[in-house]
Amino acid sequence: MKNIVIITLCVLASTLGVAQDKNKKLNFEVEGKCEMCKMRIEKAALGVSGVKYASWDIPTHQLALIIDERKTDPMKIKTALVAVGHDTKELKATEEAYDKVHPCCKYRDDDTDDSDKHKK
């Protein structure tokens, strides 16, 4: 009986240890317009502990990430993004944060594409 309990606990512990990925890939949409936005978004994402890779695509507005789920989750990353003025589907940046982005990076009421203005 004692061995069955020990084996059950070991199996349960190993299952819980595998439940979170060390290198999970995920994508989500982040609002922005240009190279300056790209640098700001990627820097904010990489500033979150557990984010190993971040790349934001200007035309599609998709942020590709590799994260360690044991250290972070998507909502922490989205919170960091709205803090620097970029909206996601779930969270919106405050007016104060949005007003701090460069004037050419204002994406809320402007449908123009300024991505060529700020190439490296």
N, C-alpha and C. Protein backbone atom coordinates (compact mmCIF):
# COMPACT_ATOMS: atom_id res chain seq x y z
N MET A 1 0.82 -1.19 0.00
CA MET A 1 0.00 0.00 0.00
C MET A 1 0.87 1.26 0.00
N LYS A 2 1.92 1.21 0.81
CA LYS A 2 2.82 2.35 0.91
C LYS A 2 3.50 2.62 -0.44
N ASN A 3 3.90 1.55 -1.14
CA ASN A 3 4.54 1.69 -2.45
C ASN A 3 3.59 2.28 -3.48
N ILE A 4 2.33 1.91 -3.44
CA ILE A 4 1.34 2.44 -4.38
C ILE A 4 1.18 3.94 -4.19
N VAL A 5 1.14 4.39 -2.95
CA VAL A 5 1.01 5.81 -2.65
C VAL A 5 2.24 6.56 -3.16
N ILE A 6 3.42 6.02 -2.93
CA ILE A 6 4.65 6.66 -3.37
C ILE A 6 4.71 6.73 -4.89
N ILE A 7 4.35 5.65 -5.56
CA ILE A 7 4.35 5.62 -7.03
C ILE A 7 3.34 6.63 -7.58
N THR A 8 2.17 6.67 -6.97
CA THR A 8 1.13 7.62 -7.41
C THR A 8 1.61 9.05 -7.26
N LEU A 9 2.26 9.36 -6.16
CA LEU A 9 2.78 10.71 -5.94
C LEU A 9 3.87 11.06 -6.95
N CYS A 10 4.73 10.11 -7.26
CA CYS A 10 5.79 10.34 -8.26
C CYS A 10 5.21 10.60 -9.64
N VAL A 11 4.21 9.83 -10.02
CA VAL A 11 3.57 10.01 -11.32
C VAL A 11 2.88 11.37 -11.37
N LEU A 12 2.20 11.72 -10.32
CA LEU A 12 1.51 13.00 -10.25
C LEU A 12 2.49 14.17 -10.31
N ALA A 13 3.59 14.08 -9.61
CA ALA A 13 4.60 15.13 -9.61
C ALA A 13 5.24 15.28 -10.99
N SER A 14 5.50 14.17 -11.66
CA SER A 14 6.12 14.26 -12.99
C SER A 14 5.14 14.83 -14.00
N THR A 15 3.85 14.55 -13.85
CA THR A 15 2.84 15.11 -14.74
C THR A 15 2.76 16.63 -14.57
N LEU A 16 2.78 17.10 -13.36
CA LEU A 16 2.72 18.54 -13.11
C LEU A 16 3.96 19.25 -13.62
N GLY A 17 5.08 18.61 -13.57
CA GLY A 17 6.33 19.21 -14.04
C GLY A 17 6.37 19.38 -15.54
N VAL A 18 5.64 18.58 -16.28
CA VAL A 18 5.62 18.65 -17.73
C VAL A 18 4.49 19.55 -18.23
N ALA A 19 3.61 19.97 -17.37
CA ALA A 19 2.43 20.72 -17.78
C ALA A 19 2.77 22.08 -18.38
N GLN A 20 3.87 22.68 -18.02
CA GLN A 20 4.25 23.98 -18.55
C GLN A 20 5.48 23.83 -19.43
N ASP A 21 5.43 24.48 -20.58
CA ASP A 21 6.52 24.39 -21.54
C ASP A 21 7.65 25.35 -21.20
N LYS A 22 8.87 24.88 -21.41
CA LYS A 22 10.04 25.72 -21.22
C LYS A 22 10.22 26.64 -22.42
N ASN A 23 9.85 26.19 -23.60
CA ASN A 23 9.98 26.98 -24.81
C ASN A 23 8.67 26.95 -25.59
N LYS A 24 7.69 27.69 -25.12
CA LYS A 24 6.39 27.73 -25.79
C LYS A 24 6.37 28.86 -26.81
N LYS A 25 5.89 28.55 -28.01
CA LYS A 25 5.75 29.56 -29.06
C LYS A 25 4.33 30.08 -29.03
N LEU A 26 4.18 31.39 -29.18
CA LEU A 26 2.85 31.96 -29.29
C LEU A 26 2.90 33.23 -30.12
N ASN A 27 1.77 33.60 -30.67
CA ASN A 27 1.62 34.81 -31.48
C ASN A 27 0.36 35.53 -31.05
N PHE A 28 0.42 36.85 -31.07
CA PHE A 28 -0.79 37.65 -30.91
C PHE A 28 -0.59 39.01 -31.55
N GLU A 29 -1.71 39.69 -31.78
CA GLU A 29 -1.69 40.97 -32.48
C GLU A 29 -1.39 42.11 -31.52
N VAL A 30 -0.52 43.02 -31.98
CA VAL A 30 -0.18 44.22 -31.22
C VAL A 30 -0.25 45.39 -32.20
N GLU A 31 -0.94 46.44 -31.82
CA GLU A 31 -1.10 47.60 -32.70
C GLU A 31 0.18 48.43 -32.77
N GLY A 32 0.48 48.92 -33.96
CA GLY A 32 1.65 49.75 -34.21
C GLY A 32 1.75 50.04 -35.69
N LYS A 33 2.79 50.81 -36.10
CA LYS A 33 2.87 51.20 -37.50
C LYS A 33 4.24 51.09 -38.16
N CYS A 34 5.31 51.29 -37.43
CA CYS A 34 6.60 51.50 -38.10
C CYS A 34 7.76 50.81 -37.36
N GLU A 35 8.97 51.08 -37.84
CA GLU A 35 10.18 50.51 -37.23
C GLU A 35 10.35 50.96 -35.78
N MET A 36 9.98 52.20 -35.49
CA MET A 36 10.08 52.67 -34.10
C MET A 36 9.14 51.87 -33.21
N CYS A 37 7.94 51.60 -33.72
CA CYS A 37 6.99 50.77 -32.97
C CYS A 37 7.58 49.38 -32.77
N LYS A 38 8.15 48.81 -33.82
CA LYS A 38 8.75 47.48 -33.77
C LYS A 38 9.80 47.39 -32.66
N MET A 39 10.68 48.38 -32.62
CA MET A 39 11.73 48.37 -31.60
C MET A 39 11.13 48.50 -30.20
N ARG A 40 10.13 49.36 -30.04
CA ARG A 40 9.50 49.59 -28.74
C ARG A 40 8.76 48.33 -28.27
N ILE A 41 8.02 47.70 -29.17
CA ILE A 41 7.24 46.50 -28.84
C ILE A 41 8.17 45.35 -28.46
N GLU A 42 9.19 45.11 -29.28
CA GLU A 42 10.12 44.01 -29.00
C GLU A 42 10.89 44.25 -27.70
N LYS A 43 11.30 45.47 -27.46
CA LYS A 43 12.03 45.79 -26.23
C LYS A 43 11.14 45.55 -25.00
N ALA A 44 9.88 45.98 -25.09
CA ALA A 44 8.96 45.80 -23.96
C ALA A 44 8.72 44.31 -23.71
N ALA A 45 8.54 43.54 -24.77
CA ALA A 45 8.30 42.10 -24.60
C ALA A 45 9.52 41.41 -24.01
N LEU A 46 10.70 41.73 -24.55
CA LEU A 46 11.92 41.09 -24.05
C LEU A 46 12.26 41.52 -22.62
N GLY A 47 11.69 42.63 -22.17
CA GLY A 47 11.91 43.09 -20.81
C GLY A 47 11.15 42.29 -19.77
N VAL A 48 10.24 41.45 -20.21
CA VAL A 48 9.47 40.60 -19.29
C VAL A 48 10.28 39.33 -19.03
N SER A 49 10.48 39.03 -17.77
CA SER A 49 11.22 37.82 -17.39
C SER A 49 10.52 36.59 -17.96
N GLY A 50 11.29 35.74 -18.63
CA GLY A 50 10.74 34.53 -19.21
C GLY A 50 10.53 34.62 -20.71
N VAL A 51 10.64 35.82 -21.28
CA VAL A 51 10.52 35.97 -22.73
C VAL A 51 11.91 35.77 -23.32
N LYS A 52 12.02 34.78 -24.20
CA LYS A 52 13.32 34.43 -24.78
C LYS A 52 13.51 35.02 -26.17
N TYR A 53 12.41 35.25 -26.89
CA TYR A 53 12.48 35.75 -28.26
C TYR A 53 11.22 36.56 -28.54
N ALA A 54 11.39 37.68 -29.22
CA ALA A 54 10.25 38.51 -29.61
C ALA A 54 10.54 39.14 -30.96
N SER A 55 9.60 39.01 -31.89
CA SER A 55 9.72 39.63 -33.20
C SER A 55 8.35 40.09 -33.64
N TRP A 56 8.22 41.41 -33.88
CA TRP A 56 6.95 41.98 -34.31
C TRP A 56 7.01 42.27 -35.80
N ASP A 57 6.00 41.82 -36.54
CA ASP A 57 5.93 42.00 -37.98
C ASP A 57 5.06 43.22 -38.29
N ILE A 58 5.62 44.21 -38.97
CA ILE A 58 4.92 45.47 -39.23
C ILE A 58 3.64 45.27 -40.05
N PRO A 59 3.70 44.60 -41.21
CA PRO A 59 2.47 44.50 -42.03
C PRO A 59 1.33 43.73 -41.36
N THR A 60 1.64 42.67 -40.65
CA THR A 60 0.58 41.84 -40.06
C THR A 60 0.25 42.20 -38.62
N HIS A 61 1.10 42.98 -37.98
CA HIS A 61 0.96 43.37 -36.57
C HIS A 61 1.04 42.18 -35.62
N GLN A 62 1.63 41.09 -36.06
CA GLN A 62 1.75 39.88 -35.24
C GLN A 62 3.06 39.88 -34.47
N LEU A 63 2.97 39.64 -33.18
CA LEU A 63 4.14 39.51 -32.32
C LEU A 63 4.38 38.02 -32.11
N ALA A 64 5.52 37.53 -32.58
CA ALA A 64 5.90 36.13 -32.39
C ALA A 64 6.82 36.05 -31.18
N LEU A 65 6.51 35.13 -30.28
CA LEU A 65 7.25 35.01 -29.03
C LEU A 65 7.66 33.57 -28.76
N ILE A 66 8.75 33.42 -28.04
CA ILE A 66 9.10 32.15 -27.41
C ILE A 66 9.26 32.49 -25.93
N ILE A 67 8.48 31.80 -25.10
CA ILE A 67 8.48 32.12 -23.67
C ILE A 67 8.69 30.86 -22.85
N ASP A 68 9.13 31.07 -21.63
CA ASP A 68 9.22 30.02 -20.63
C ASP A 68 7.97 30.19 -19.76
N GLU A 69 7.01 29.30 -19.93
CA GLU A 69 5.75 29.41 -19.19
C GLU A 69 5.91 29.29 -17.68
N ARG A 70 7.03 28.77 -17.25
CA ARG A 70 7.27 28.67 -15.82
C ARG A 70 7.58 30.03 -15.21
N LYS A 71 7.96 31.00 -16.06
CA LYS A 71 8.36 32.32 -15.57
C LYS A 71 7.39 33.44 -15.96
N THR A 72 6.60 33.23 -17.00
CA THR A 72 5.71 34.30 -17.44
C THR A 72 4.47 33.73 -18.11
N ASP A 73 3.56 34.60 -18.46
CA ASP A 73 2.37 34.21 -19.20
C ASP A 73 2.00 35.35 -20.16
N PRO A 74 1.15 35.09 -21.14
CA PRO A 74 0.83 36.11 -22.14
C PRO A 74 0.29 37.42 -21.56
N MET A 75 -0.47 37.35 -20.48
CA MET A 75 -1.05 38.56 -19.92
C MET A 75 0.03 39.49 -19.34
N LYS A 76 1.09 38.95 -18.78
CA LYS A 76 2.19 39.78 -18.28
C LYS A 76 2.87 40.51 -19.43
N ILE A 77 3.00 39.84 -20.56
CA ILE A 77 3.62 40.46 -21.73
C ILE A 77 2.71 41.55 -22.28
N LYS A 78 1.43 41.27 -22.37
CA LYS A 78 0.47 42.27 -22.87
C LYS A 78 0.42 43.48 -21.95
N THR A 79 0.57 43.27 -20.66
CA THR A 79 0.60 44.39 -19.71
C THR A 79 1.82 45.27 -19.96
N ALA A 80 2.96 44.65 -20.26
CA ALA A 80 4.17 45.42 -20.57
C ALA A 80 4.00 46.20 -21.87
N LEU A 81 3.31 45.63 -22.83
CA LEU A 81 3.10 46.30 -24.12
C LEU A 81 2.19 47.51 -23.99
N VAL A 82 1.11 47.38 -23.23
CA VAL A 82 0.22 48.53 -23.07
C VAL A 82 0.88 49.63 -22.24
N ALA A 83 1.82 49.25 -21.39
CA ALA A 83 2.54 50.25 -20.59
C ALA A 83 3.40 51.16 -21.46
N VAL A 84 3.82 50.66 -22.64
CA VAL A 84 4.62 51.50 -23.54
C VAL A 84 3.77 52.09 -24.67
N GLY A 85 2.44 51.92 -24.58
CA GLY A 85 1.54 52.60 -25.51
C GLY A 85 0.99 51.79 -26.66
N HIS A 86 1.07 50.46 -26.62
CA HIS A 86 0.59 49.64 -27.73
C HIS A 86 -0.55 48.73 -27.30
N ASP A 87 -1.67 48.83 -28.01
CA ASP A 87 -2.87 48.05 -27.70
C ASP A 87 -2.73 46.60 -28.15
N THR A 88 -3.40 45.72 -27.43
CA THR A 88 -3.58 44.33 -27.84
C THR A 88 -5.09 44.10 -27.89
N LYS A 89 -5.51 42.94 -28.31
CA LYS A 89 -6.95 42.66 -28.38
C LYS A 89 -7.60 42.67 -26.98
N GLU A 90 -6.86 42.20 -25.98
CA GLU A 90 -7.42 42.10 -24.63
C GLU A 90 -7.22 43.35 -23.80
N LEU A 91 -6.12 44.06 -24.01
CA LEU A 91 -5.80 45.23 -23.19
C LEU A 91 -5.56 46.44 -24.07
N LYS A 92 -5.97 47.59 -23.59
CA LYS A 92 -5.74 48.86 -24.30
C LYS A 92 -4.81 49.73 -23.45
N ALA A 93 -3.90 50.41 -24.14
CA ALA A 93 -2.99 51.33 -23.46
C ALA A 93 -3.77 52.52 -22.92
N THR A 94 -3.33 53.04 -21.80
CA THR A 94 -3.96 54.24 -21.27
C THR A 94 -3.66 55.41 -22.21
N GLU A 95 -4.46 56.44 -22.13
CA GLU A 95 -4.22 57.63 -22.96
C GLU A 95 -2.85 58.23 -22.65
N GLU A 96 -2.48 58.20 -21.37
CA GLU A 96 -1.17 58.73 -20.97
C GLU A 96 -0.03 57.96 -21.64
N ALA A 97 -0.11 56.64 -21.63
CA ALA A 97 0.93 55.82 -22.27
C ALA A 97 0.91 56.02 -23.78
N TYR A 98 -0.28 56.06 -24.37
CA TYR A 98 -0.40 56.23 -25.81
C TYR A 98 0.13 57.59 -26.26
N ASP A 99 -0.11 58.61 -25.47
CA ASP A 99 0.36 59.96 -25.82
C ASP A 99 1.88 60.07 -25.80
N LYS A 100 2.56 59.16 -25.13
CA LYS A 100 4.03 59.20 -25.06
C LYS A 100 4.71 58.64 -26.30
N VAL A 101 3.99 57.89 -27.14
CA VAL A 101 4.61 57.35 -28.35
C VAL A 101 4.84 58.49 -29.34
N HIS A 102 5.80 58.32 -30.21
CA HIS A 102 6.14 59.32 -31.21
C HIS A 102 4.91 59.64 -32.06
N PRO A 103 4.74 60.89 -32.50
CA PRO A 103 3.55 61.26 -33.29
C PRO A 103 3.33 60.39 -34.54
N CYS A 104 4.39 59.95 -35.18
CA CYS A 104 4.19 59.11 -36.38
C CYS A 104 3.72 57.71 -36.01
N CYS A 105 3.83 57.35 -34.75
CA CYS A 105 3.45 56.00 -34.31
C CYS A 105 1.99 55.93 -33.85
N LYS A 106 1.28 57.02 -33.93
CA LYS A 106 -0.13 57.04 -33.50
C LYS A 106 -0.95 56.19 -34.47
N TYR A 107 -1.49 55.12 -33.99
CA TYR A 107 -2.18 54.15 -34.85
C TYR A 107 -3.68 54.11 -34.64
N ARG A 108 -4.19 54.70 -33.61
CA ARG A 108 -5.61 54.55 -33.29
C ARG A 108 -6.55 55.20 -34.30
N ASP A 109 -6.27 56.43 -34.70
CA ASP A 109 -7.18 57.14 -35.61
C ASP A 109 -6.59 57.36 -36.98
N ASP A 110 -5.49 56.70 -37.29
CA ASP A 110 -4.78 56.94 -38.53
C ASP A 110 -4.53 55.63 -39.25
N ASP A 111 -5.00 55.53 -40.49
CA ASP A 111 -4.82 54.31 -41.26
C ASP A 111 -3.65 54.38 -42.22
N THR A 112 -2.82 55.42 -42.15
CA THR A 112 -1.71 55.53 -43.07
C THR A 112 -0.58 54.60 -42.65
N ASP A 113 0.25 54.25 -43.59
CA ASP A 113 1.38 53.36 -43.33
C ASP A 113 2.66 54.20 -43.35
N ASP A 114 3.24 54.43 -42.20
CA ASP A 114 4.46 55.23 -42.10
C ASP A 114 5.69 54.36 -41.95
N SER A 115 5.60 53.09 -42.26
CA SER A 115 6.70 52.17 -42.00
C SER A 115 7.96 52.52 -42.77
N ASP A 116 7.86 53.19 -43.92
CA ASP A 116 9.03 53.55 -44.71
C ASP A 116 9.77 54.75 -44.11
N LYS A 117 9.12 55.52 -43.27
CA LYS A 117 9.74 56.72 -42.71
C LYS A 117 10.81 56.44 -41.68
N HIS A 118 10.77 55.27 -41.06
CA HIS A 118 11.64 55.01 -39.91
C HIS A 118 12.46 53.75 -40.07
N LYS A 119 12.83 53.41 -41.26
CA LYS A 119 13.68 52.23 -41.48
C LYS A 119 15.07 52.51 -40.95
N LYS A 120 15.71 51.46 -40.47
CA LYS A 120 17.05 51.59 -39.91
C LYS A 120 18.05 51.89 -41.00
